[in-house]
Amino acid sequence: MSTLLHHNLAGITLPRGLIWVDEFAWQAPVRAVEYSLTGALVIDSARRAAGRPITLEGSADQGWVSRSQLQALYALLDADDGTPMPLQLADGRQFSVRFAAGEALKATAIARAEIAPQDLPYVIELRLIAAA
């Protein structure tokens, strides 16, 4: 597995300090357990084909994005038509993703500026869902 300097979402370079916080919160196998009318235990098993959450979060001390990167993310979100986008993580893993339902992008400026420069740093939470 190669190591890159950055994450990349649909051509937008993001810092590798954005951490995948829900990497282990999803499991592909799912089971439904119920009893039949005769009292027999029925277990249905399947594997999820898509829908894995990929939430990339920065913090107060790492993973900051610049205002210009944030504007590019918002432009991508505004143009979203549901078509999967490529995501390559800094560790080399690749996914086809969509923006998550609800608030897919949250941002908080590290500092306040009356006239914000393009390099003003922001802490973000970027919520994506693996398409396949």
N, C-alpha and C. Protein backbone atom coordinates (compact mmCIF):
# COMPACT_ATOMS: atom_id res chain seq x y z
N MET A 1 0.85 -1.17 0.00
CA MET A 1 0.00 0.00 0.00
C MET A 1 0.90 1.24 0.00
N SER A 2 0.72 2.09 -0.97
CA SER A 2 1.56 3.29 -1.04
C SER A 2 1.06 4.36 -0.07
N THR A 3 1.96 5.25 0.29
CA THR A 3 1.60 6.36 1.17
C THR A 3 1.74 7.65 0.39
N LEU A 4 0.70 8.46 0.38
CA LEU A 4 0.68 9.72 -0.33
C LEU A 4 0.79 10.87 0.66
N LEU A 5 1.03 12.04 0.14
CA LEU A 5 1.13 13.21 1.01
C LEU A 5 -0.23 13.77 1.39
N HIS A 6 -1.26 13.45 0.59
CA HIS A 6 -2.57 14.06 0.80
C HIS A 6 -3.68 13.07 0.46
N HIS A 7 -4.89 13.40 0.90
CA HIS A 7 -6.10 12.74 0.41
C HIS A 7 -6.50 13.49 -0.86
N ASN A 8 -7.33 12.85 -1.70
CA ASN A 8 -7.82 13.52 -2.90
C ASN A 8 -9.27 13.12 -3.12
N LEU A 9 -10.15 14.13 -3.20
CA LEU A 9 -11.57 13.90 -3.48
C LEU A 9 -11.92 14.60 -4.78
N ALA A 10 -12.16 13.83 -5.83
CA ALA A 10 -12.59 14.36 -7.13
C ALA A 10 -11.69 15.50 -7.59
N GLY A 11 -10.38 15.34 -7.41
CA GLY A 11 -9.42 16.35 -7.86
C GLY A 11 -9.11 17.44 -6.85
N ILE A 12 -9.77 17.43 -5.69
CA ILE A 12 -9.50 18.42 -4.64
C ILE A 12 -8.53 17.78 -3.64
N THR A 13 -7.39 18.40 -3.47
CA THR A 13 -6.38 17.92 -2.54
C THR A 13 -6.77 18.32 -1.12
N LEU A 14 -6.75 17.33 -0.23
CA LEU A 14 -7.10 17.55 1.18
C LEU A 14 -5.95 17.05 2.04
N PRO A 15 -5.74 17.66 3.21
CA PRO A 15 -4.62 17.24 4.05
C PRO A 15 -4.80 15.84 4.62
N ARG A 16 -3.70 15.14 4.73
CA ARG A 16 -3.76 13.78 5.28
C ARG A 16 -4.08 13.79 6.76
N GLY A 17 -4.02 14.95 7.40
CA GLY A 17 -4.40 15.08 8.80
C GLY A 17 -5.90 14.97 9.04
N LEU A 18 -6.69 14.93 7.97
CA LEU A 18 -8.12 14.62 8.11
C LEU A 18 -8.22 13.13 8.41
N ILE A 19 -8.74 12.78 9.54
CA ILE A 19 -8.78 11.39 10.00
C ILE A 19 -10.13 10.75 9.68
N TRP A 20 -10.10 9.51 9.22
CA TRP A 20 -11.32 8.74 8.95
C TRP A 20 -11.81 8.23 10.30
N VAL A 21 -12.74 8.97 10.92
CA VAL A 21 -13.13 8.70 12.31
C VAL A 21 -14.08 7.52 12.48
N ASP A 22 -14.81 7.14 11.44
CA ASP A 22 -15.75 6.02 11.57
C ASP A 22 -15.33 4.80 10.74
N GLU A 23 -14.02 4.66 10.57
CA GLU A 23 -13.49 3.56 9.75
C GLU A 23 -13.95 2.19 10.24
N PHE A 24 -14.05 2.01 11.54
CA PHE A 24 -14.40 0.70 12.09
C PHE A 24 -15.81 0.66 12.67
N ALA A 25 -16.65 1.59 12.26
CA ALA A 25 -18.03 1.64 12.75
C ALA A 25 -19.00 0.95 11.81
N TRP A 26 -18.50 0.24 10.82
CA TRP A 26 -19.35 -0.38 9.80
C TRP A 26 -18.90 -1.81 9.59
N GLN A 27 -19.87 -2.68 9.43
CA GLN A 27 -19.55 -4.08 9.15
C GLN A 27 -20.34 -4.54 7.93
N ALA A 28 -19.67 -5.21 7.01
CA ALA A 28 -20.33 -5.68 5.79
C ALA A 28 -21.36 -6.78 6.05
N PRO A 29 -21.07 -7.76 6.91
CA PRO A 29 -22.08 -8.79 7.14
C PRO A 29 -23.23 -8.26 8.01
N VAL A 30 -24.44 -8.59 7.62
CA VAL A 30 -25.61 -8.23 8.42
C VAL A 30 -26.45 -9.49 8.64
N ARG A 31 -27.11 -9.53 9.79
CA ARG A 31 -27.94 -10.68 10.12
C ARG A 31 -29.25 -10.20 10.72
N ALA A 32 -30.30 -10.89 10.34
CA ALA A 32 -31.60 -10.67 10.96
C ALA A 32 -32.01 -11.99 11.60
N VAL A 33 -32.38 -11.91 12.86
CA VAL A 33 -32.74 -13.12 13.61
C VAL A 33 -34.19 -12.99 14.05
N GLU A 34 -34.98 -14.03 13.77
CA GLU A 34 -36.38 -14.04 14.19
C GLU A 34 -36.83 -15.49 14.35
N TYR A 35 -37.99 -15.66 14.94
CA TYR A 35 -38.56 -17.00 15.11
C TYR A 35 -39.73 -17.15 14.16
N SER A 36 -39.83 -18.34 13.56
CA SER A 36 -40.95 -18.62 12.66
C SER A 36 -42.20 -18.94 13.49
N LEU A 37 -43.32 -19.14 12.83
CA LEU A 37 -44.56 -19.48 13.51
C LEU A 37 -44.47 -20.81 14.24
N THR A 38 -43.56 -21.68 13.78
CA THR A 38 -43.40 -22.97 14.45
C THR A 38 -42.44 -22.89 15.63
N GLY A 39 -41.81 -21.73 15.83
CA GLY A 39 -40.87 -21.55 16.91
C GLY A 39 -39.42 -21.80 16.52
N ALA A 40 -39.19 -22.14 15.26
CA ALA A 40 -37.82 -22.37 14.80
C ALA A 40 -37.09 -21.05 14.64
N LEU A 41 -35.82 -21.07 14.94
CA LEU A 41 -34.98 -19.88 14.78
C LEU A 41 -34.62 -19.72 13.31
N VAL A 42 -34.87 -18.54 12.75
CA VAL A 42 -34.54 -18.24 11.36
C VAL A 42 -33.50 -17.13 11.36
N ILE A 43 -32.36 -17.40 10.74
CA ILE A 43 -31.29 -16.41 10.65
C ILE A 43 -31.05 -16.11 9.18
N ASP A 44 -31.26 -14.86 8.78
CA ASP A 44 -30.95 -14.41 7.43
C ASP A 44 -29.63 -13.67 7.48
N SER A 45 -28.72 -14.02 6.58
CA SER A 45 -27.42 -13.36 6.52
C SER A 45 -27.18 -12.84 5.12
N ALA A 46 -26.51 -11.69 5.04
CA ALA A 46 -26.16 -11.10 3.75
C ALA A 46 -24.96 -10.18 3.98
N ARG A 47 -24.39 -9.70 2.89
CA ARG A 47 -23.29 -8.74 2.96
C ARG A 47 -23.76 -7.43 2.34
N ARG A 48 -23.48 -6.34 3.02
CA ARG A 48 -23.80 -5.03 2.46
C ARG A 48 -22.88 -4.79 1.27
N ALA A 49 -23.47 -4.28 0.20
CA ALA A 49 -22.69 -4.01 -1.01
C ALA A 49 -22.20 -2.57 -1.06
N ALA A 50 -22.84 -1.69 -0.34
CA ALA A 50 -22.47 -0.27 -0.37
C ALA A 50 -22.98 0.40 0.90
N GLY A 51 -22.62 1.67 1.06
CA GLY A 51 -23.15 2.44 2.18
C GLY A 51 -22.20 2.65 3.34
N ARG A 52 -20.94 2.23 3.18
CA ARG A 52 -19.98 2.41 4.27
C ARG A 52 -19.73 3.90 4.51
N PRO A 53 -19.89 4.38 5.74
CA PRO A 53 -19.62 5.79 6.01
C PRO A 53 -18.12 6.08 5.99
N ILE A 54 -17.76 7.19 5.40
CA ILE A 54 -16.38 7.67 5.42
C ILE A 54 -16.45 9.13 5.86
N THR A 55 -16.21 9.36 7.14
CA THR A 55 -16.24 10.71 7.69
C THR A 55 -14.81 11.14 7.95
N LEU A 56 -14.38 12.17 7.25
CA LEU A 56 -13.04 12.72 7.42
C LEU A 56 -13.14 13.97 8.29
N GLU A 57 -12.42 13.97 9.41
CA GLU A 57 -12.49 15.09 10.35
C GLU A 57 -11.11 15.64 10.64
N GLY A 58 -11.07 16.96 10.71
CA GLY A 58 -9.89 17.65 11.20
C GLY A 58 -10.09 17.94 12.67
N SER A 59 -9.09 18.54 13.29
CA SER A 59 -9.20 18.94 14.69
C SER A 59 -8.49 20.27 14.87
N ALA A 60 -8.51 20.77 16.07
CA ALA A 60 -7.91 22.08 16.34
C ALA A 60 -6.40 22.09 16.07
N ASP A 61 -5.78 20.92 16.06
CA ASP A 61 -4.33 20.91 15.86
C ASP A 61 -3.85 20.14 14.63
N GLN A 62 -4.77 19.67 13.78
CA GLN A 62 -4.33 18.98 12.55
C GLN A 62 -5.46 18.90 11.54
N GLY A 63 -5.08 18.68 10.29
CA GLY A 63 -6.05 18.45 9.24
C GLY A 63 -6.79 19.69 8.77
N TRP A 64 -6.20 20.85 8.92
CA TRP A 64 -6.86 22.08 8.49
C TRP A 64 -6.93 22.15 6.97
N VAL A 65 -8.03 22.71 6.47
CA VAL A 65 -8.14 23.03 5.05
C VAL A 65 -8.15 24.54 4.90
N SER A 66 -7.68 25.01 3.78
CA SER A 66 -7.68 26.45 3.53
C SER A 66 -9.06 26.88 3.06
N ARG A 67 -9.30 28.16 3.12
CA ARG A 67 -10.57 28.71 2.64
C ARG A 67 -10.79 28.34 1.17
N SER A 68 -9.73 28.37 0.36
CA SER A 68 -9.88 28.03 -1.06
C SER A 68 -10.25 26.55 -1.24
N GLN A 69 -9.67 25.65 -0.43
CA GLN A 69 -10.06 24.24 -0.49
C GLN A 69 -11.52 24.07 -0.05
N LEU A 70 -11.91 24.79 0.98
CA LEU A 70 -13.28 24.73 1.47
C LEU A 70 -14.27 25.22 0.41
N GLN A 71 -13.91 26.29 -0.28
CA GLN A 71 -14.77 26.79 -1.36
C GLN A 71 -14.90 25.75 -2.48
N ALA A 72 -13.82 25.07 -2.80
CA ALA A 72 -13.86 24.02 -3.82
C ALA A 72 -14.76 22.87 -3.37
N LEU A 73 -14.71 22.50 -2.09
CA LEU A 73 -15.59 21.44 -1.57
C LEU A 73 -17.05 21.86 -1.65
N TYR A 74 -17.34 23.11 -1.26
CA TYR A 74 -18.73 23.58 -1.34
C TYR A 74 -19.22 23.64 -2.79
N ALA A 75 -18.35 24.01 -3.73
CA ALA A 75 -18.73 24.02 -5.14
C ALA A 75 -19.04 22.60 -5.61
N LEU A 76 -18.23 21.63 -5.17
CA LEU A 76 -18.48 20.23 -5.51
C LEU A 76 -19.80 19.76 -4.91
N LEU A 77 -20.06 20.15 -3.68
CA LEU A 77 -21.32 19.79 -3.01
C LEU A 77 -22.51 20.43 -3.71
N ASP A 78 -22.39 21.69 -4.08
CA ASP A 78 -23.48 22.39 -4.77
C ASP A 78 -23.80 21.78 -6.13
N ALA A 79 -22.78 21.24 -6.80
CA ALA A 79 -22.97 20.65 -8.12
C ALA A 79 -23.33 19.17 -8.05
N ASP A 80 -23.45 18.63 -6.84
CA ASP A 80 -23.68 17.20 -6.66
C ASP A 80 -24.98 16.74 -7.29
N ASP A 81 -24.87 15.74 -8.15
CA ASP A 81 -26.06 15.15 -8.77
C ASP A 81 -26.22 13.68 -8.38
N GLY A 82 -25.46 13.26 -7.37
CA GLY A 82 -25.55 11.88 -6.91
C GLY A 82 -24.59 10.93 -7.58
N THR A 83 -23.86 11.41 -8.58
CA THR A 83 -22.89 10.57 -9.27
C THR A 83 -21.70 10.29 -8.36
N PRO A 84 -21.28 9.05 -8.25
CA PRO A 84 -20.12 8.74 -7.40
C PRO A 84 -18.86 9.48 -7.84
N MET A 85 -18.04 9.84 -6.84
CA MET A 85 -16.78 10.55 -7.08
C MET A 85 -15.63 9.70 -6.57
N PRO A 86 -14.44 9.87 -7.15
CA PRO A 86 -13.29 9.13 -6.65
C PRO A 86 -12.72 9.78 -5.39
N LEU A 87 -12.40 8.94 -4.42
CA LEU A 87 -11.71 9.37 -3.21
C LEU A 87 -10.47 8.50 -3.07
N GLN A 88 -9.31 9.14 -2.95
CA GLN A 88 -8.09 8.39 -2.66
C GLN A 88 -7.55 8.92 -1.34
N LEU A 89 -7.42 8.01 -0.38
CA LEU A 89 -6.88 8.38 0.92
C LEU A 89 -5.36 8.43 0.85
N ALA A 90 -4.77 9.12 1.79
CA ALA A 90 -3.31 9.27 1.81
C ALA A 90 -2.58 7.93 1.95
N ASP A 91 -3.26 6.92 2.49
CA ASP A 91 -2.63 5.61 2.62
C ASP A 91 -2.74 4.77 1.35
N GLY A 92 -3.34 5.36 0.29
CA GLY A 92 -3.41 4.68 -1.00
C GLY A 92 -4.74 3.99 -1.28
N ARG A 93 -5.59 3.82 -0.28
CA ARG A 93 -6.89 3.17 -0.52
C ARG A 93 -7.77 4.08 -1.36
N GLN A 94 -8.55 3.45 -2.24
CA GLN A 94 -9.42 4.21 -3.14
C GLN A 94 -10.86 3.75 -2.97
N PHE A 95 -11.78 4.71 -3.04
CA PHE A 95 -13.21 4.45 -2.91
C PHE A 95 -13.96 5.28 -3.94
N SER A 96 -15.12 4.81 -4.27
CA SER A 96 -16.09 5.58 -5.04
C SER A 96 -17.12 6.05 -4.03
N VAL A 97 -17.30 7.37 -3.89
CA VAL A 97 -18.12 7.91 -2.81
C VAL A 97 -19.16 8.90 -3.32
N ARG A 98 -20.13 9.12 -2.45
CA ARG A 98 -21.14 10.17 -2.63
C ARG A 98 -21.16 10.98 -1.34
N PHE A 99 -21.73 12.18 -1.40
CA PHE A 99 -21.92 12.94 -0.18
C PHE A 99 -23.01 12.27 0.65
N ALA A 100 -22.84 12.26 1.96
CA ALA A 100 -23.84 11.67 2.85
C ALA A 100 -25.08 12.55 2.88
N ALA A 101 -26.19 11.95 3.25
CA ALA A 101 -27.44 12.70 3.40
C ALA A 101 -27.33 13.64 4.59
N GLY A 102 -28.09 14.69 4.56
CA GLY A 102 -28.05 15.65 5.66
C GLY A 102 -26.90 16.63 5.47
N GLU A 103 -26.29 17.01 6.56
CA GLU A 103 -25.19 17.98 6.52
C GLU A 103 -23.89 17.26 6.19
N ALA A 104 -23.53 17.26 4.92
CA ALA A 104 -22.35 16.52 4.47
C ALA A 104 -21.04 17.24 4.74
N LEU A 105 -21.11 18.56 4.96
CA LEU A 105 -19.88 19.33 5.18
C LEU A 105 -20.12 20.39 6.24
N LYS A 106 -19.29 20.36 7.28
CA LYS A 106 -19.31 21.37 8.33
C LYS A 106 -17.93 21.99 8.39
N ALA A 107 -17.88 23.30 8.64
CA ALA A 107 -16.59 23.97 8.71
C ALA A 107 -16.61 25.05 9.79
N THR A 108 -15.49 25.17 10.49
CA THR A 108 -15.31 26.20 11.50
C THR A 108 -13.94 26.82 11.29
N ALA A 109 -13.90 28.14 11.18
CA ALA A 109 -12.62 28.83 10.99
C ALA A 109 -11.78 28.72 12.26
N ILE A 110 -10.48 28.58 12.09
CA ILE A 110 -9.54 28.52 13.21
C ILE A 110 -9.43 29.90 13.87
N ALA A 111 -9.53 30.94 13.06
CA ALA A 111 -9.44 32.31 13.56
C ALA A 111 -10.50 33.15 12.86
N ARG A 112 -10.82 34.27 13.48
CA ARG A 112 -11.80 35.17 12.87
C ARG A 112 -11.07 36.22 12.07
N ALA A 113 -11.61 36.54 10.90
CA ALA A 113 -11.00 37.55 10.05
C ALA A 113 -12.11 38.39 9.43
N GLU A 114 -11.94 39.70 9.51
CA GLU A 114 -12.95 40.59 8.92
C GLU A 114 -13.03 40.37 7.41
N ILE A 115 -11.89 40.29 6.78
CA ILE A 115 -11.81 39.94 5.36
C ILE A 115 -10.97 38.68 5.29
N ALA A 116 -11.62 37.56 5.06
CA ALA A 116 -10.94 36.27 5.14
C ALA A 116 -10.02 36.05 3.94
N PRO A 117 -8.74 35.78 4.19
CA PRO A 117 -7.83 35.46 3.09
C PRO A 117 -8.08 34.03 2.60
N GLN A 118 -7.62 33.72 1.41
CA GLN A 118 -7.83 32.39 0.83
C GLN A 118 -7.10 31.28 1.59
N ASP A 119 -6.09 31.65 2.37
CA ASP A 119 -5.36 30.62 3.12
C ASP A 119 -5.82 30.53 4.58
N LEU A 120 -6.92 31.18 4.93
CA LEU A 120 -7.45 31.08 6.29
C LEU A 120 -7.79 29.61 6.58
N PRO A 121 -7.26 29.05 7.67
CA PRO A 121 -7.49 27.63 7.95
C PRO A 121 -8.86 27.36 8.60
N TYR A 122 -9.42 26.21 8.24
CA TYR A 122 -10.71 25.75 8.77
C TYR A 122 -10.57 24.32 9.24
N VAL A 123 -11.31 23.99 10.29
CA VAL A 123 -11.48 22.60 10.71
C VAL A 123 -12.77 22.13 10.08
N ILE A 124 -12.73 20.98 9.41
CA ILE A 124 -13.95 20.50 8.74
C ILE A 124 -14.31 19.10 9.19
N GLU A 125 -15.56 18.77 8.92
CA GLU A 125 -16.07 17.42 9.01
C GLU A 125 -16.73 17.15 7.67
N LEU A 126 -16.20 16.18 6.93
CA LEU A 126 -16.69 15.84 5.60
C LEU A 126 -17.28 14.44 5.65
N ARG A 127 -18.61 14.37 5.45
CA ARG A 127 -19.31 13.08 5.56
C ARG A 127 -19.60 12.52 4.16
N LEU A 128 -19.03 11.35 3.89
CA LEU A 128 -19.19 10.68 2.61
C LEU A 128 -19.75 9.28 2.86
N ILE A 129 -20.23 8.65 1.77
CA ILE A 129 -20.71 7.28 1.83
C ILE A 129 -20.11 6.53 0.64
N ALA A 130 -19.49 5.39 0.89
CA ALA A 130 -18.94 4.57 -0.18
C ALA A 130 -20.08 4.06 -1.05
N ALA A 131 -19.92 4.25 -2.36
CA ALA A 131 -20.97 3.87 -3.31
C ALA A 131 -20.91 2.39 -3.67
N ALA A 132 -19.76 1.80 -3.58
CA ALA A 132 -19.64 0.38 -3.92
C ALA A 132 -18.54 -0.27 -3.15
